[in-house]
């Protein structure tokens, strides 16, 4: 998989993450749906994998979240007890994350930067998280290379993203962003051509000393027909974002046709490993 072309990248609108104020944490704003709908699954999956791979105390495990936004996921990771760092290109999002962490007495280190050029030394982290971010970046191969670089040997990379399929185009682009009967997300929040097929990310992982282990699909815990009814009610104002977010949540699925989560473990070739 190559770097995204300028023509395609120019269509995605990442400016939503530059909103001033604490919009990330406002219960009746679209971004806060991450906390209610997706975070419980993400955090549970990440904790399970981290505990499987790292046989050390949680307070000794260093975790970097690439694309931390307003800190919605970083805070959950810090609450588990991990040494948590977040990085994001949006200064306004970082300011929100910093202030919210202070208000909740959480020790999280936040830095400004991009995934294509992580401002950390090599072999710095036991874990790197990158959730709902890979389909937003300009140079995915470079981001994966940088994630591998900052991971310690034996470290784990945990991610989720959208698959580039007909089903994801209908659900994530048409229904959620374009068709007004159901749309609840800003236009061009996602661009379908930037979605990533599982075979593409597996190839990139292997090219960067990251041994792919598994993918798990992600789906709502209610039927898609029922979710469409809730989407319509939210779109016409019968449900607030908070009420909509309380109606269901995401769970593991056997199908990776729309969204999937997975992990890989860094392992240098034997002749490059330190004695």
Protein backbone atom coordinates (compact mmCIF):
# COMPACT_ATOMS: atom_id res chain seq x y z
CA UNK A 1 0.00 0.00 0.00
CA UNK A 2 1.35 3.41 -0.98
CA UNK A 3 1.06 6.92 0.44
CA UNK A 4 -2.39 8.46 -0.14
CA UNK A 5 -2.50 10.72 -3.19
CA UNK A 6 -2.95 14.45 -2.69
CA UNK A 7 -6.23 14.34 -4.61
CA UNK A 8 -7.75 11.80 -2.24
CA UNK A 9 -6.22 13.24 0.94
CA UNK A 10 -7.57 16.70 0.14
CA UNK A 11 -11.12 15.34 0.43
CA UNK A 12 -10.93 14.30 4.08
CA UNK A 13 -11.91 16.89 6.67
CA UNK A 14 -9.73 16.48 9.76
CA UNK A 15 -10.57 19.99 10.94
CA UNK A 16 -13.29 18.64 13.23
CA UNK A 17 -10.47 17.68 15.59
CA UNK A 18 -9.35 21.33 15.78
CA UNK A 19 -12.56 22.54 17.40
CA UNK A 20 -11.99 24.89 20.29
CA UNK A 21 -13.25 24.09 23.76
CA UNK A 22 -13.98 20.73 25.33
CA UNK A 23 -16.19 19.39 22.54
CA UNK A 24 -14.55 15.97 22.90
CA UNK A 25 -16.11 15.60 26.36
CA UNK A 26 -19.50 17.24 25.77
CA UNK A 27 -22.07 14.51 26.19
CA UNK A 28 -24.29 15.81 23.40
CA UNK A 29 -21.65 16.11 20.67
CA UNK A 30 -20.82 13.52 17.99
CA UNK A 31 -17.20 12.94 19.06
CA UNK A 32 -18.30 11.85 22.52
CA UNK A 33 -19.97 8.80 20.96
CA UNK A 34 -16.45 7.33 20.89
CA UNK A 35 -16.58 7.16 24.68
CA UNK A 36 -19.96 5.44 24.94
CA UNK A 37 -20.21 3.29 21.81
CA UNK A 38 -16.67 2.14 21.04
CA UNK A 39 -14.37 2.71 24.02
CA UNK A 40 -15.71 -0.14 26.18
CA UNK A 41 -14.85 -2.65 23.45
CA UNK A 42 -11.52 -1.01 22.60
CA UNK A 43 -10.35 -0.78 26.19
CA UNK A 44 -11.41 -4.33 27.01
CA UNK A 45 -9.67 -5.72 23.94
CA UNK A 46 -6.51 -3.68 24.54
CA UNK A 47 -6.28 -4.69 28.20
CA UNK A 48 -6.70 -8.36 27.33
CA UNK A 49 -3.96 -8.29 24.69
CA UNK A 50 -1.56 -6.20 26.79
CA UNK A 51 -1.89 -8.61 29.71
CA UNK A 52 -1.29 -11.58 27.42
CA UNK A 53 1.89 -10.11 25.92
CA UNK A 54 3.44 -8.16 28.81
CA UNK A 55 4.14 -10.29 31.87
CA UNK A 56 5.03 -7.33 34.08
CA UNK A 57 3.12 -5.10 36.49
CA UNK A 58 0.74 -2.65 34.82
CA UNK A 59 2.48 0.38 36.35
CA UNK A 60 5.67 -0.59 34.48
CA UNK A 61 3.99 -0.84 31.07
CA UNK A 62 4.43 2.23 28.86
CA UNK A 63 1.64 2.94 26.36
CA UNK A 64 1.62 5.47 23.53
CA UNK A 65 -1.64 6.47 21.86
CA UNK A 66 -1.05 7.82 18.35
CA UNK A 67 -3.85 10.24 17.47
CA UNK A 68 -5.13 10.74 21.01
CA UNK A 69 -7.48 13.65 20.21
CA UNK A 70 -9.08 14.97 23.37
CA UNK A 71 -7.86 12.05 25.48
CA UNK A 72 -10.99 9.91 25.54
CA UNK A 73 -9.08 6.64 25.10
CA UNK A 74 -5.84 7.75 26.78
CA UNK A 75 -7.69 8.44 30.02
CA UNK A 76 -9.18 4.96 30.12
CA UNK A 77 -5.74 3.46 29.53
CA UNK A 78 -4.23 5.59 32.29
CA UNK A 79 -6.96 4.53 34.72
CA UNK A 80 -5.88 0.90 34.30
CA UNK A 81 -2.48 1.92 35.66
CA UNK A 82 -0.32 2.05 32.54
CA UNK A 83 2.27 4.78 31.99
CA UNK A 84 0.37 6.71 29.32
CA UNK A 85 1.52 9.11 26.60
CA UNK A 86 -0.68 10.65 23.91
CA UNK A 87 0.34 12.40 20.71
CA UNK A 88 -1.82 14.36 18.27
CA UNK A 89 -1.31 17.06 15.60
CA UNK A 90 -4.21 19.19 16.86
CA UNK A 91 -3.16 21.73 19.48
CA UNK A 92 -6.75 22.46 20.48
CA UNK A 93 -7.48 18.77 21.02
CA UNK A 94 -4.31 18.42 23.10
CA UNK A 95 -5.25 21.42 25.23
CA UNK A 96 -8.59 19.78 25.92
CA UNK A 97 -6.88 16.48 26.78
CA UNK A 98 -4.39 18.16 29.12
CA UNK A 99 -7.03 20.11 31.01
CA UNK A 100 -9.39 17.16 31.35
CA UNK A 101 -6.60 14.92 32.66
CA UNK A 102 -5.68 17.55 35.25
CA UNK A 103 -9.31 17.85 36.36
CA UNK A 104 -9.40 14.08 36.90
CA UNK A 105 -5.95 13.80 38.54
CA UNK A 106 -4.58 11.59 35.79
CA UNK A 107 -0.87 11.59 34.99
CA UNK A 108 -0.79 11.51 31.19
CA UNK A 109 1.99 13.00 29.09
CA UNK A 110 0.67 14.72 25.95
CA UNK A 111 2.80 15.93 23.04
CA UNK A 112 2.09 17.54 19.69
CA UNK A 113 3.20 15.59 16.64
CA UNK A 114 2.20 13.43 13.71
CA UNK A 115 2.30 9.69 13.19
CA UNK A 116 4.67 10.03 10.25
CA UNK A 117 7.35 11.55 12.51
CA UNK A 118 6.95 10.47 16.14
CA UNK A 119 9.06 12.62 18.49
CA UNK A 120 10.30 9.71 20.59
CA UNK A 121 13.45 7.63 20.74
CA UNK A 122 13.48 4.16 19.26
CA UNK A 123 12.45 1.29 21.54
CA UNK A 124 10.54 3.60 23.92
CA UNK A 125 7.17 1.90 24.48
CA UNK A 126 5.78 -1.51 25.43
CA UNK A 127 2.50 -0.76 23.63
CA UNK A 128 1.31 1.56 20.86
CA UNK A 129 -2.42 2.16 20.36
CA UNK A 130 -3.84 3.67 17.18
CA UNK A 131 -7.64 3.63 17.04
CA UNK A 132 -9.83 5.30 14.40
CA UNK A 133 -6.71 7.05 13.10
CA UNK A 134 -4.99 4.95 10.42
CA UNK A 135 -7.73 5.79 7.89
CA UNK A 136 -7.05 9.50 8.48
CA UNK A 137 -3.29 9.69 7.88
CA UNK A 138 -1.52 10.92 4.75
CA UNK A 139 1.32 8.39 4.66
CA UNK A 140 0.21 5.09 6.20
CA UNK A 141 3.44 3.17 5.39
CA UNK A 142 5.47 5.84 7.18
CA UNK A 143 3.14 5.79 10.20
CA UNK A 144 3.49 2.01 10.54
CA UNK A 145 7.27 2.33 10.18
CA UNK A 146 7.40 4.95 12.94
CA UNK A 147 5.19 2.89 15.24
CA UNK A 148 7.51 -0.08 14.80
CA UNK A 149 10.55 2.11 15.49
CA UNK A 150 9.29 3.41 18.85
CA UNK A 151 8.10 -0.01 20.01
CA UNK A 152 10.40 -2.12 22.13
CA UNK A 153 11.28 -5.59 20.86
CA UNK A 154 8.39 -7.79 21.95
CA UNK A 155 6.10 -4.75 22.19
CA UNK A 156 2.54 -4.84 20.92
CA UNK A 157 0.76 -2.63 18.38
CA UNK A 158 -3.03 -2.51 18.82
CA UNK A 159 -5.23 -0.79 16.25
CA UNK A 160 -8.69 -0.53 14.75
CA UNK A 161 -9.82 0.86 11.43
CA UNK A 162 -12.39 0.58 8.63
CA UNK A 163 -12.24 -2.05 5.91
CA UNK A 164 -12.52 -0.83 2.30
CA UNK A 165 -15.53 -2.83 1.16
CA UNK A 166 -18.92 -2.22 -0.39
CA UNK A 167 -20.50 -2.66 3.05
CA UNK A 168 -18.28 -0.03 4.67
CA UNK A 169 -19.00 2.43 1.86
CA UNK A 170 -22.74 2.05 2.43
CA UNK A 171 -22.59 2.14 6.23
CA UNK A 172 -19.73 4.48 7.17
CA UNK A 173 -19.92 6.88 4.22
CA UNK A 174 -23.44 6.87 2.79
CA UNK A 175 -25.52 6.19 5.91
CA UNK A 176 -23.44 7.94 8.58
CA UNK A 177 -22.21 10.92 6.53
CA UNK A 178 -24.18 11.52 3.33
CA UNK A 179 -27.76 10.27 3.41
CA UNK A 180 -29.66 12.85 5.44
CA UNK A 181 -32.30 10.40 6.62
CA UNK A 182 -29.67 8.77 8.86
CA UNK A 183 -26.47 10.86 8.75
CA UNK A 184 -25.19 11.98 12.15
CA UNK A 185 -21.50 12.56 11.35
CA UNK A 186 -19.90 15.55 9.60
CA UNK A 187 -19.43 15.28 5.81
CA UNK A 188 -16.02 13.96 4.76
CA UNK A 189 -15.11 12.86 8.28
CA UNK A 190 -14.03 9.69 6.49
CA UNK A 191 -13.08 9.10 2.86
CA UNK A 192 -13.79 5.58 1.64
CA UNK A 193 -10.67 5.37 -0.54
CA UNK A 194 -8.57 5.82 2.61
CA UNK A 195 -10.09 2.79 4.32
CA UNK A 196 -7.67 -0.13 4.72
CA UNK A 197 -8.21 -3.74 3.74
CA UNK A 198 -6.91 -6.32 6.25
CA UNK A 199 -4.45 -7.77 3.72
CA UNK A 200 -2.99 -4.30 3.14
CA UNK A 201 -2.27 -3.64 6.79
CA UNK A 202 -0.94 -7.16 7.33
CA UNK A 203 1.53 -6.59 4.52
CA UNK A 204 2.67 -3.27 6.02
CA UNK A 205 3.06 -4.83 9.44
CA UNK A 206 5.28 -7.62 8.16
CA UNK A 207 7.40 -5.15 6.21
CA UNK A 208 8.13 -3.37 9.50
CA UNK A 209 9.04 -6.27 11.81
CA UNK A 210 5.53 -6.38 13.23
CA UNK A 211 4.18 -9.92 13.33
CA UNK A 212 0.43 -9.79 12.75
CA UNK A 213 -1.58 -11.97 15.16
CA UNK A 214 -5.31 -11.50 14.61
CA UNK A 215 -8.24 -9.39 13.47
CA UNK A 216 -11.63 -9.18 15.14
CA UNK A 217 -14.67 -7.61 13.53
CA UNK A 218 -16.66 -4.86 15.25
CA UNK A 219 -20.46 -4.52 15.12
CA UNK A 220 -23.33 -3.04 17.18
CA UNK A 221 -24.93 -5.26 19.83
CA UNK A 222 -28.34 -4.65 18.24
CA UNK A 223 -29.67 -5.42 14.77
CA UNK A 224 -28.72 -3.08 11.94
CA UNK A 225 -32.42 -2.34 11.33
CA UNK A 226 -32.85 -1.19 14.91
CA UNK A 227 -29.69 0.90 14.66
CA UNK A 228 -31.07 2.57 11.51
CA UNK A 229 -34.20 3.53 13.44
CA UNK A 230 -32.08 5.12 16.16
CA UNK A 231 -29.95 6.89 13.56
CA UNK A 232 -33.05 8.39 11.96
CA UNK A 233 -34.38 9.56 15.32
CA UNK A 234 -31.03 11.22 16.06
CA UNK A 235 -30.88 12.78 12.58
CA UNK A 236 -34.31 14.40 12.97
CA UNK A 237 -33.69 15.46 16.56
CA UNK A 238 -35.90 12.97 18.41
CA UNK A 239 -32.81 11.62 20.20
CA UNK A 240 -29.89 13.60 21.56
CA UNK A 241 -26.38 12.27 20.96
CA UNK A 242 -26.30 11.20 24.59
CA UNK A 243 -29.59 9.31 24.29
CA UNK A 244 -28.45 7.74 21.02
CA UNK A 245 -25.16 6.65 22.60
CA UNK A 246 -27.01 4.95 25.44
CA UNK A 247 -29.09 2.77 23.09
CA UNK A 248 -26.34 0.32 22.12
CA UNK A 249 -22.59 -0.28 22.02
CA UNK A 250 -20.07 -2.07 19.83
CA UNK A 251 -19.05 -5.68 20.35
CA UNK A 252 -16.80 -8.28 18.75
CA UNK A 253 -17.95 -9.83 15.49
CA UNK A 254 -16.73 -12.60 13.18
CA UNK A 255 -17.20 -10.27 10.20
CA UNK A 256 -14.52 -7.68 9.37
CA UNK A 257 -16.51 -6.25 6.43
CA UNK A 258 -17.05 -2.84 8.05
CA UNK A 259 -14.68 -2.34 11.01
CA UNK A 260 -11.99 -4.48 12.56
CA UNK A 261 -9.53 -4.43 15.44
CA UNK A 262 -6.29 -6.34 15.72
CA UNK A 263 -2.76 -6.48 17.00
CA UNK A 264 0.79 -7.31 16.04
CA UNK A 265 3.98 -7.99 18.02
CA UNK A 266 7.36 -6.49 17.19
CA UNK A 267 10.14 -8.98 16.66
CA UNK A 268 13.52 -8.23 15.11
CA UNK A 269 15.20 -10.89 12.98
CA UNK A 270 17.50 -12.99 15.14
CA UNK A 271 20.68 -11.58 13.61
CA UNK A 272 19.58 -8.03 14.54
CA UNK A 273 18.50 -8.73 18.11
CA UNK A 274 20.67 -7.45 20.96
CA UNK A 275 22.58 -10.01 22.97
